[in-house]
Amino acid sequence: MRRRRLGLELRQLREAAGLTLEDVGEKLEWSGAKVSRIENARVRVSPRDVRDLLDVYGITDETRRKNLILLTREARERAWWEDYLDAVQPGVQTVVGFETEAAALHVYDAQLANGLLQTEDYARAVIRAIWTADSPEQLERRLKLRMGRQGVLVKDDPPQLWSVLDESILHRRVGGADVLRGQLRRLIEAAEMPNVTLQVLPFAAGAHAGVDGAFMIAEFPAPDPDIVHVEYRTGALFLDDKEQVLQYNRVYDRLQARAMDPDESVERIIKLAAEL
């Protein structure tokens, strides 16, 4: 996330200086592709490289230079979840970074309870069902990463999590009746948290705006643009185009309008937990 913020600022400085990627590459004896990778947060960049870029862009203000160098150093720090990169599909580490930095997370889940709200037993059953070829050790590493991600909801200044979940999730016996009962109780407890709001999208809603699948909208403090995340088995898709993000926000608004209100949603979950 910090690499993304740094890249955005460097791109804005380059454009303000009226330089192309190739212009910058020529001045620094780099390729234009290297400059592009830095701006698109695809690589870690050194403080020395950033100083060289700032010189090319004519940035002499010492305060601004120091702030960007500090951001560069922060962007190079190793995050806790990088210890688990061998246990995740491409893109998951990016999602964890977004969860950590976001001001708000709007999620729609169609098949399973959201990973940030899963119990350990439920998460273990999900991971075992998906990653059938993994060794027990690999499965446990995936589980540790998933459970570790949940710390974002109880940290200082946590993101606001708004979860719309399809009613089918409340009936799907992931791990069996006892595991599902525990998961429903976890959802009830989560709904009591000041930064968590749950809405159930009932079967009665019929066809709705989210029938094409789950997604997450991560909202960030300005000037960082919001991101839409769509996950699939072998990776993830990240969208930051303003029009695309706007379309997903409109879909989310329609899902919220079709879902039960938060109080009614919790009542439904309580009732179903009691019936198991």
C-alpha atoms as a PDB file:
ATOM      1  CA  MET A   1       0.000   0.000   0.000  1.00  0.00           C
ATOM      2  CA  ARG A   2       2.843   2.403   0.819  1.00  0.00           C
ATOM      3  CA  ARG A   3       4.566   1.461  -2.451  1.00  0.00           C
ATOM      4  CA  ARG A   4       1.330   2.295  -4.233  1.00  0.00           C
ATOM      5  CA  ARG A   5       1.104   5.699  -2.510  1.00  0.00           C
ATOM      6  CA  LEU A   6       4.757   6.432  -3.299  1.00  0.00           C
ATOM      7  CA  GLY A   7       4.320   5.433  -6.933  1.00  0.00           C
ATOM      8  CA  LEU A   8       1.269   7.655  -7.273  1.00  0.00           C
ATOM      9  CA  GLU A   9       3.142  10.659  -5.896  1.00  0.00           C
ATOM     10  CA  LEU A  10       6.157  10.037  -8.127  1.00  0.00           C
ATOM     11  CA  ARG A  11       3.921   9.740 -11.181  1.00  0.00           C
ATOM     12  CA  GLN A  12       2.241  13.049 -10.333  1.00  0.00           C
ATOM     13  CA  LEU A  13       5.634  14.740  -9.939  1.00  0.00           C
ATOM     14  CA  ARG A  14       6.831  13.363 -13.282  1.00  0.00           C
ATOM     15  CA  GLU A  15       3.718  14.532 -15.069  1.00  0.00           C
ATOM     16  CA  ALA A  16       3.961  17.965 -13.417  1.00  0.00           C
ATOM     17  CA  ALA A  17       7.530  18.191 -14.737  1.00  0.00           C
ATOM     18  CA  GLY A  18       6.258  17.420 -18.245  1.00  0.00           C
ATOM     19  CA  LEU A  19       8.394  14.299 -18.612  1.00  0.00           C
ATOM     20  CA  THR A  20       7.588  10.931 -20.164  1.00  0.00           C
ATOM     21  CA  LEU A  21       8.743   7.593 -18.784  1.00  0.00           C
ATOM     22  CA  GLU A  22      11.340   7.472 -21.536  1.00  0.00           C
ATOM     23  CA  ASP A  23      12.559  10.997 -20.735  1.00  0.00           C
ATOM     24  CA  VAL A  24      13.203  10.017 -17.133  1.00  0.00           C
ATOM     25  CA  GLY A  25      14.850   6.753 -18.127  1.00  0.00           C
ATOM     26  CA  GLU A  26      17.192   8.561 -20.491  1.00  0.00           C
ATOM     27  CA  LYS A  27      18.235  11.110 -17.856  1.00  0.00           C
ATOM     28  CA  LEU A  28      18.982   8.411 -15.267  1.00  0.00           C
ATOM     29  CA  GLU A  29      20.248   5.768 -17.697  1.00  0.00           C
ATOM     30  CA  TRP A  30      17.332   3.553 -16.756  1.00  0.00           C
ATOM     31  CA  SER A  31      14.724   1.975 -18.951  1.00  0.00           C
ATOM     32  CA  GLY A  32      11.304   3.582 -19.168  1.00  0.00           C
ATOM     33  CA  ALA A  33       9.977   0.218 -17.970  1.00  0.00           C
ATOM     34  CA  LYS A  34      11.838   0.592 -14.663  1.00  0.00           C
ATOM     35  CA  VAL A  35      10.214   3.972 -14.052  1.00  0.00           C
ATOM     36  CA  SER A  36       6.830   2.455 -14.888  1.00  0.00           C
ATOM     37  CA  ARG A  37       7.352  -0.429 -12.442  1.00  0.00           C
ATOM     38  CA  ILE A  38       8.198   2.044  -9.675  1.00  0.00           C
ATOM     39  CA  GLU A  39       5.113   4.156 -10.387  1.00  0.00           C
ATOM     40  CA  ASN A  40       2.872   1.093 -10.491  1.00  0.00           C
ATOM     41  CA  ALA A  41       4.251  -0.263  -7.179  1.00  0.00           C
ATOM     42  CA  ARG A  42       5.506  -3.440  -8.814  1.00  0.00           C
ATOM     43  CA  VAL A  43       8.975  -3.213  -7.254  1.00  0.00           C
ATOM     44  CA  ARG A  44      10.580  -1.951  -4.080  1.00  0.00           C
ATOM     45  CA  VAL A  45      12.529   1.235  -4.746  1.00  0.00           C
ATOM     46  CA  SER A  46      15.590   2.452  -2.860  1.00  0.00           C
ATOM     47  CA  PRO A  47      15.851   5.880  -1.171  1.00  0.00           C
ATOM     48  CA  ARG A  48      18.770   6.647  -3.503  1.00  0.00           C
ATOM     49  CA  ASP A  49      16.621   6.015  -6.595  1.00  0.00           C
ATOM     50  CA  VAL A  50      13.881   8.250  -5.189  1.00  0.00           C
ATOM     51  CA  ARG A  51      16.399  11.026  -4.523  1.00  0.00           C
ATOM     52  CA  ASP A  52      17.558  10.731  -8.150  1.00  0.00           C
ATOM     53  CA  LEU A  53      13.960  10.964  -9.362  1.00  0.00           C
ATOM     54  CA  LEU A  54      13.284  14.016  -7.200  1.00  0.00           C
ATOM     55  CA  ASP A  55      16.397  15.685  -8.619  1.00  0.00           C
ATOM     56  CA  VAL A  56      15.157  15.041 -12.154  1.00  0.00           C
ATOM     57  CA  TYR A  57      11.731  16.433 -11.260  1.00  0.00           C
ATOM     58  CA  GLY A  58      13.273  19.553  -9.755  1.00  0.00           C
ATOM     59  CA  ILE A  59      11.933  18.977  -6.228  1.00  0.00           C
ATOM     60  CA  THR A  60      14.118  21.069  -3.914  1.00  0.00           C
ATOM     61  CA  ASP A  61      11.788  21.552  -0.944  1.00  0.00           C
ATOM     62  CA  GLU A  62      13.576  19.710   1.876  1.00  0.00           C
ATOM     63  CA  THR A  63      10.412  18.884   3.821  1.00  0.00           C
ATOM     64  CA  ARG A  64       8.779  17.258   0.821  1.00  0.00           C
ATOM     65  CA  ARG A  65      11.945  15.359  -0.035  1.00  0.00           C
ATOM     66  CA  LYS A  66      12.274  14.068   3.543  1.00  0.00           C
ATOM     67  CA  ASN A  67       8.630  12.981   3.619  1.00  0.00           C
ATOM     68  CA  LEU A  68       8.988  11.039   0.372  1.00  0.00           C
ATOM     69  CA  ILE A  69      12.222   9.404   1.515  1.00  0.00           C
ATOM     70  CA  LEU A  70      10.507   8.406   4.780  1.00  0.00           C
ATOM     71  CA  LEU A  71       7.622   6.928   2.771  1.00  0.00           C
ATOM     72  CA  THR A  72      10.179   5.071   0.645  1.00  0.00           C
ATOM     73  CA  ARG A  73      11.780   3.511   3.719  1.00  0.00           C
ATOM     74  CA  GLU A  74       8.363   2.542   5.123  1.00  0.00           C
ATOM     75  CA  ALA A  75       7.467   0.978   1.765  1.00  0.00           C
ATOM     76  CA  ARG A  76      10.557  -1.224   1.993  1.00  0.00           C
ATOM     77  CA  GLU A  77       9.707  -2.589   5.443  1.00  0.00           C
ATOM     78  CA  ARG A  78       8.783  -6.240   5.611  1.00  0.00           C
ATOM     79  CA  ALA A  79       5.155  -6.878   6.582  1.00  0.00           C
ATOM     80  CA  TRP A  80       4.187  -9.723   8.921  1.00  0.00           C
ATOM     81  CA  TRP A  81       2.255 -11.563   6.227  1.00  0.00           C
ATOM     82  CA  GLU A  82       5.304 -11.831   3.952  1.00  0.00           C
ATOM     83  CA  ASP A  83       6.355 -14.827   6.030  1.00  0.00           C
ATOM     84  CA  TYR A  84       3.394 -16.672   4.474  1.00  0.00           C
ATOM     85  CA  LEU A  85       3.937 -15.871   0.789  1.00  0.00           C
ATOM     86  CA  ASP A  86       4.668 -19.540   0.091  1.00  0.00           C
ATOM     87  CA  ALA A  87       1.207 -20.424   1.408  1.00  0.00           C
ATOM     88  CA  VAL A  88      -1.016 -18.112  -0.637  1.00  0.00           C
ATOM     89  CA  GLN A  89      -2.075 -17.682  -4.217  1.00  0.00           C
ATOM     90  CA  PRO A  90      -0.883 -14.563  -6.080  1.00  0.00           C
ATOM     91  CA  GLY A  91      -2.622 -11.391  -4.983  1.00  0.00           C
ATOM     92  CA  VAL A  92      -3.526 -12.376  -1.422  1.00  0.00           C
ATOM     93  CA  GLN A  93      -0.586 -10.464   0.055  1.00  0.00           C
ATOM     94  CA  THR A  94      -1.850  -7.368  -1.762  1.00  0.00           C
ATOM     95  CA  VAL A  95      -5.327  -7.861  -0.293  1.00  0.00           C
ATOM     96  CA  VAL A  96      -3.887  -8.110   3.213  1.00  0.00           C
ATOM     97  CA  GLY A  97      -2.035  -4.855   2.659  1.00  0.00           C
ATOM     98  CA  PHE A  98      -5.225  -3.172   1.475  1.00  0.00           C
ATOM     99  CA  GLU A  99      -7.153  -4.486   4.497  1.00  0.00           C
ATOM    100  CA  THR A 100      -4.483  -3.064   6.786  1.00  0.00           C
ATOM    101  CA  GLU A 101      -4.461   0.418   5.235  1.00  0.00           C
ATOM    102  CA  ALA A 102      -8.142   0.853   4.316  1.00  0.00           C
ATOM    103  CA  ALA A 103     -10.482   3.232   6.089  1.00  0.00           C
ATOM    104  CA  ALA A 104     -13.497   1.096   5.127  1.00  0.00           C
ATOM    105  CA  LEU A 105     -14.145  -2.314   3.575  1.00  0.00           C
ATOM    106  CA  HIS A 106     -17.416  -3.050   1.802  1.00  0.00           C
ATOM    107  CA  VAL A 107     -17.680  -6.765   1.081  1.00  0.00           C
ATOM    108  CA  TYR A 108     -20.272  -8.922  -0.615  1.00  0.00           C
ATOM    109  CA  ASP A 109     -19.963 -12.670  -0.023  1.00  0.00           C
ATOM    110  CA  ALA A 110     -21.998 -15.170  -1.985  1.00  0.00           C
ATOM    111  CA  GLN A 111     -20.749 -18.605  -0.868  1.00  0.00           C
ATOM    112  CA  LEU A 112     -18.837 -18.365   2.401  1.00  0.00           C
ATOM    113  CA  ALA A 113     -18.571 -16.149   5.459  1.00  0.00           C
ATOM    114  CA  ASN A 114     -15.963 -13.453   4.926  1.00  0.00           C
ATOM    115  CA  GLY A 115     -12.437 -14.460   5.892  1.00  0.00           C
ATOM    116  CA  LEU A 116     -12.182 -11.587   8.376  1.00  0.00           C
ATOM    117  CA  LEU A 117     -15.137 -13.062  10.285  1.00  0.00           C
ATOM    118  CA  GLN A 118     -14.470 -16.798  10.096  1.00  0.00           C
ATOM    119  CA  THR A 119     -13.898 -18.996  13.118  1.00  0.00           C
ATOM    120  CA  GLU A 120     -10.784 -21.158  13.078  1.00  0.00           C
ATOM    121  CA  ASP A 121     -12.803 -24.372  12.622  1.00  0.00           C
ATOM    122  CA  TYR A 122     -14.826 -22.874   9.773  1.00  0.00           C
ATOM    123  CA  ALA A 123     -11.704 -21.477   8.085  1.00  0.00           C
ATOM    124  CA  ARG A 124      -9.924 -24.825   8.391  1.00  0.00           C
ATOM    125  CA  ALA A 125     -12.848 -26.623   6.736  1.00  0.00           C
ATOM    126  CA  VAL A 126     -12.927 -24.076   3.910  1.00  0.00           C
ATOM    127  CA  ILE A 127      -9.182 -24.277   3.297  1.00  0.00           C
ATOM    128  CA  ARG A 128      -9.198 -28.083   3.316  1.00  0.00           C
ATOM    129  CA  ALA A 129     -12.064 -28.140   0.811  1.00  0.00           C
ATOM    130  CA  ILE A 130     -10.301 -25.780  -1.612  1.00  0.00           C
ATOM    131  CA  TRP A 131      -6.647 -26.806  -1.344  1.00  0.00           C
ATOM    132  CA  THR A 132      -6.996 -30.570  -1.580  1.00  0.00           C
ATOM    133  CA  ALA A 133      -3.450 -31.129  -2.866  1.00  0.00           C
ATOM    134  CA  ASP A 134      -1.752 -29.277   0.006  1.00  0.00           C
ATOM    135  CA  SER A 135       0.169 -31.000   2.777  1.00  0.00           C
ATOM    136  CA  PRO A 136      -1.149 -30.655   6.341  1.00  0.00           C
ATOM    137  CA  GLU A 137       1.690 -28.228   7.065  1.00  0.00           C
ATOM    138  CA  GLN A 138       0.781 -26.041   4.092  1.00  0.00           C
ATOM    139  CA  LEU A 139      -2.885 -26.045   5.096  1.00  0.00           C
ATOM    140  CA  GLU A 140      -1.973 -24.886   8.600  1.00  0.00           C
ATOM    141  CA  ARG A 141       0.132 -22.036   7.216  1.00  0.00           C
ATOM    142  CA  ARG A 142      -2.814 -20.889   5.105  1.00  0.00           C
ATOM    143  CA  LEU A 143      -4.974 -21.059   8.228  1.00  0.00           C
ATOM    144  CA  LYS A 144      -2.511 -19.038  10.338  1.00  0.00           C
ATOM    145  CA  LEU A 145      -2.410 -16.315   7.714  1.00  0.00           C
ATOM    146  CA  ARG A 146      -6.195 -16.149   7.508  1.00  0.00           C
ATOM    147  CA  MET A 147      -6.616 -15.925  11.256  1.00  0.00           C
ATOM    148  CA  GLY A 148      -3.823 -13.384  11.517  1.00  0.00           C
ATOM    149  CA  ARG A 149      -5.619 -11.104   9.073  1.00  0.00           C
ATOM    150  CA  GLN A 150      -8.501 -10.759  11.528  1.00  0.00           C
ATOM    151  CA  GLY A 151      -6.360  -8.627  13.800  1.00  0.00           C
ATOM    152  CA  VAL A 152      -7.099  -5.677  11.524  1.00  0.00           C
ATOM    153  CA  LEU A 153     -10.606  -5.421  13.017  1.00  0.00           C
ATOM    154  CA  VAL A 154      -9.363  -4.898  16.573  1.00  0.00           C
ATOM    155  CA  LYS A 155      -6.278  -2.753  15.978  1.00  0.00           C
ATOM    156  CA  ASP A 156      -6.144   0.933  16.872  1.00  0.00           C
ATOM    157  CA  ASP A 157      -8.228   2.880  14.334  1.00  0.00           C
ATOM    158  CA  PRO A 158      -9.610  -0.227  12.571  1.00  0.00           C
ATOM    159  CA  PRO A 159     -11.404  -0.066   9.225  1.00  0.00           C
ATOM    160  CA  GLN A 160     -15.190   0.042   9.105  1.00  0.00           C
ATOM    161  CA  LEU A 161     -16.317  -3.346   7.789  1.00  0.00           C
ATOM    162  CA  TRP A 162     -19.712  -3.549   6.082  1.00  0.00           C
ATOM    163  CA  SER A 163     -20.578  -7.113   5.114  1.00  0.00           C
ATOM    164  CA  VAL A 164     -23.506  -8.126   2.927  1.00  0.00           C
ATOM    165  CA  LEU A 165     -23.761 -11.914   2.887  1.00  0.00           C
ATOM    166  CA  ASP A 166     -26.043 -14.160   0.917  1.00  0.00           C
ATOM    167  CA  GLU A 167     -28.496 -16.117   3.069  1.00  0.00           C
ATOM    168  CA  SER A 168     -27.183 -19.379   1.628  1.00  0.00           C
ATOM    169  CA  ILE A 169     -24.025 -18.869   3.700  1.00  0.00           C
ATOM    170  CA  LEU A 170     -26.109 -19.230   6.860  1.00  0.00           C
ATOM    171  CA  HIS A 171     -27.328 -22.671   5.767  1.00  0.00           C
ATOM    172  CA  ARG A 172     -24.241 -24.177   4.129  1.00  0.00           C
ATOM    173  CA  ARG A 173     -22.902 -26.716   6.640  1.00  0.00           C
ATOM    174  CA  VAL A 174     -19.220 -26.011   6.196  1.00  0.00           C
ATOM    175  CA  GLY A 175     -17.465 -28.451   8.522  1.00  0.00           C
ATOM    176  CA  GLY A 176     -20.795 -29.826   9.778  1.00  0.00           C
ATOM    177  CA  ALA A 177     -23.582 -28.519  11.989  1.00  0.00           C
ATOM    178  CA  ASP A 178     -21.421 -27.785  15.030  1.00  0.00           C
ATOM    179  CA  VAL A 179     -18.902 -25.776  13.011  1.00  0.00           C
ATOM    180  CA  LEU A 180     -21.649 -23.834  11.274  1.00  0.00           C
ATOM    181  CA  ARG A 181     -23.318 -23.104  14.615  1.00  0.00           C
ATOM    182  CA  GLY A 182     -20.039 -21.723  15.921  1.00  0.00           C
ATOM    183  CA  GLN A 183     -19.653 -19.623  12.796  1.00  0.00           C
ATOM    184  CA  LEU A 184     -23.141 -18.151  13.136  1.00  0.00           C
ATOM    185  CA  ARG A 185     -22.380 -17.238  16.746  1.00  0.00           C
ATOM    186  CA  ARG A 186     -19.184 -15.575  15.564  1.00  0.00           C
ATOM    187  CA  LEU A 187     -21.205 -13.452  13.130  1.00  0.00           C
ATOM    188  CA  ILE A 188     -23.584 -12.456  15.932  1.00  0.00           C
ATOM    189  CA  GLU A 189     -20.634 -11.400  18.099  1.00  0.00           C
ATOM    190  CA  ALA A 190     -19.004  -9.517  15.221  1.00  0.00           C
ATOM    191  CA  ALA A 191     -22.202  -7.553  14.612  1.00  0.00           C
ATOM    192  CA  GLU A 192     -21.846  -6.114  18.102  1.00  0.00           C
ATOM    193  CA  MET A 193     -18.461  -4.581  17.253  1.00  0.00           C
ATOM    194  CA  PRO A 194     -18.679  -0.810  16.660  1.00  0.00           C
ATOM    195  CA  ASN A 195     -16.822  -1.050  13.357  1.00  0.00           C
ATOM    196  CA  VAL A 196     -18.747  -4.021  11.892  1.00  0.00           C
ATOM    197  CA  THR A 197     -22.150  -3.982  10.182  1.00  0.00           C
ATOM    198  CA  LEU A 198     -23.787  -7.139   8.811  1.00  0.00           C
ATOM    199  CA  GLN A 199     -26.686  -7.445   6.391  1.00  0.00           C
ATOM    200  CA  VAL A 200     -28.203 -10.694   5.149  1.00  0.00           C
ATOM    201  CA  LEU A 201     -29.347 -10.790   1.545  1.00  0.00           C
ATOM    202  CA  PRO A 202     -32.373 -13.119   1.788  1.00  0.00           C
ATOM    203  CA  PHE A 203     -33.442 -15.797  -0.654  1.00  0.00           C
ATOM    204  CA  ALA A 204     -36.572 -13.713  -1.212  1.00  0.00           C
ATOM    205  CA  ALA A 205     -34.447 -11.078  -2.960  1.00  0.00           C
ATOM    206  CA  GLY A 206     -34.359 -13.368  -5.991  1.00  0.00           C
ATOM    207  CA  ALA A 207     -32.073 -12.274  -8.826  1.00  0.00           C
ATOM    208  CA  HIS A 208     -30.009  -9.308  -7.676  1.00  0.00           C
ATOM    209  CA  ALA A 209     -27.119  -7.060  -8.708  1.00  0.00           C
ATOM    210  CA  GLY A 210     -24.486  -9.350  -7.160  1.00  0.00           C
ATOM    211  CA  VAL A 211     -25.423 -12.645  -8.779  1.00  0.00           C
ATOM    212  CA  ASP A 212     -22.172 -12.623 -10.755  1.00  0.00           C
ATOM    213  CA  GLY A 213     -20.068 -13.125  -7.621  1.00  0.00           C
ATOM    214  CA  ALA A 214     -18.358 -11.834  -4.505  1.00  0.00           C
ATOM    215  CA  PHE A 215     -16.192  -8.716  -4.350  1.00  0.00           C
ATOM    216  CA  MET A 216     -14.656  -6.219  -1.951  1.00  0.00           C
ATOM    217  CA  ILE A 217     -14.398  -2.434  -2.205  1.00  0.00           C
ATOM    218  CA  ALA A 218     -11.519  -1.011  -0.164  1.00  0.00           C
ATOM    219  CA  GLU A 219     -11.837   2.696   0.587  1.00  0.00           C
ATOM    220  CA  PHE A 220      -8.727   4.692   1.482  1.00  0.00           C
ATOM    221  CA  PRO A 221      -8.081   8.151   2.895  1.00  0.00           C
ATOM    222  CA  ALA A 222      -7.407  10.793   0.231  1.00  0.00           C
ATOM    223  CA  PRO A 223      -5.486  11.007  -2.004  1.00  0.00           C
ATOM    224  CA  ASP A 224      -5.313   7.222  -2.434  1.00  0.00           C
ATOM    225  CA  PRO A 225      -7.927   5.930  -4.883  1.00  0.00           C
ATOM    226  CA  ASP A 226     -10.347   3.203  -3.837  1.00  0.00           C
ATOM    227  CA  ILE A 227      -9.799  -0.359  -5.039  1.00  0.00           C
ATOM    228  CA  VAL A 228     -12.160  -3.162  -6.050  1.00  0.00           C
ATOM    229  CA  HIS A 229     -10.887  -6.681  -5.377  1.00  0.00           C
ATOM    230  CA  VAL A 230     -12.317  -9.748  -7.101  1.00  0.00           C
ATOM    231  CA  GLU A 231     -10.753 -13.083  -6.153  1.00  0.00           C
ATOM    232  CA  TYR A 232     -10.553 -16.254  -8.200  1.00  0.00           C
ATOM    233  CA  ARG A 233      -8.842 -19.597  -7.611  1.00  0.00           C
ATOM    234  CA  THR A 234      -5.431 -18.816  -9.098  1.00  0.00           C
ATOM    235  CA  GLY A 235      -5.173 -15.103  -8.359  1.00  0.00           C
ATOM    236  CA  ALA A 236      -6.962 -11.834  -7.918  1.00  0.00           C
ATOM    237  CA  LEU A 237      -8.165  -8.865  -9.941  1.00  0.00           C
ATOM    238  CA  PHE A 238      -7.672  -5.296  -8.681  1.00  0.00           C
ATOM    239  CA  LEU A 239      -9.555  -2.396 -10.242  1.00  0.00           C
ATOM    240  CA  ASP A 240      -8.815   1.259  -9.506  1.00  0.00           C
ATOM    241  CA  ASP A 241     -10.302   2.906 -12.583  1.00  0.00           C
ATOM    242  CA  LYS A 242     -12.773   5.493 -11.274  1.00  0.00           C
ATOM    243  CA  GLU A 243     -15.608   4.405 -13.552  1.00  0.00           C
ATOM    244  CA  GLN A 244     -15.172   0.719 -12.693  1.00  0.00           C
ATOM    245  CA  VAL A 245     -15.052   1.460  -8.966  1.00  0.00           C
ATOM    246  CA  LEU A 246     -18.172   3.615  -9.345  1.00  0.00           C
ATOM    247  CA  GLN A 247     -20.013   0.719 -11.014  1.00  0.00           C
ATOM    248  CA  TYR A 248     -19.169  -1.594  -8.123  1.00  0.00           C
ATOM    249  CA  ASN A 249     -20.251   1.023  -5.606  1.00  0.00           C
ATOM    250  CA  ARG A 250     -23.595   1.225  -7.384  1.00  0.00           C
ATOM    251  CA  VAL A 251     -23.920  -2.560  -7.243  1.00  0.00           C
ATOM    252  CA  TYR A 252     -23.137  -2.482  -3.521  1.00  0.00           C
ATOM    253  CA  ASP A 253     -25.755   0.202  -2.931  1.00  0.00           C
ATOM    254  CA  ARG A 254     -28.349  -2.004  -4.621  1.00  0.00           C
ATOM    255  CA  LEU A 255     -27.292  -5.035  -2.569  1.00  0.00           C
ATOM    256  CA  GLN A 256     -27.650  -3.062   0.658  1.00  0.00           C
ATOM    257  CA  ALA A 257     -31.095  -1.882  -0.421  1.00  0.00           C
ATOM    258  CA  ARG A 258     -32.269  -5.461  -1.126  1.00  0.00           C
ATOM    259  CA  ALA A 259     -30.764  -6.914   2.069  1.00  0.00           C
ATOM    260  CA  MET A 260     -32.385  -7.059   5.502  1.00  0.00           C
ATOM    261  CA  ASP A 261     -31.511  -4.215   7.814  1.00  0.00           C
ATOM    262  CA  PRO A 262     -28.729  -4.953  10.355  1.00  0.00           C
ATOM    263  CA  ASP A 263     -31.044  -5.671  13.304  1.00  0.00           C
ATOM    264  CA  GLU A 264     -33.270  -7.955  11.278  1.00  0.00           C
ATOM    265  CA  SER A 265     -30.193  -9.681   9.874  1.00  0.00           C
ATOM    266  CA  VAL A 266     -28.848 -10.487  13.333  1.00  0.00           C
ATOM    267  CA  GLU A 267     -32.246 -11.815  14.373  1.00  0.00           C
ATOM    268  CA  ARG A 268     -32.225 -14.145  11.366  1.00  0.00           C
ATOM    269  CA  ILE A 269     -28.758 -15.431  12.249  1.00  0.00           C
ATOM    270  CA  ILE A 270     -29.757 -15.998  15.897  1.00  0.00           C
ATOM    271  CA  LYS A 271     -32.828 -17.946  14.811  1.00  0.00           C
ATOM    272  CA  LEU A 272     -30.866 -20.177  12.427  1.00  0.00           C
ATOM    273  CA  ALA A 273     -28.148 -20.830  15.029  1.00  0.00           C
ATOM    274  CA  ALA A 274     -30.801 -21.960  17.515  1.00  0.00           C
ATOM    275  CA  GLU A 275     -32.247 -24.390  14.953  1.00  0.00           C
ATOM    276  CA  LEU A 276     -28.987 -26.241  14.346  1.00  0.00           C
END
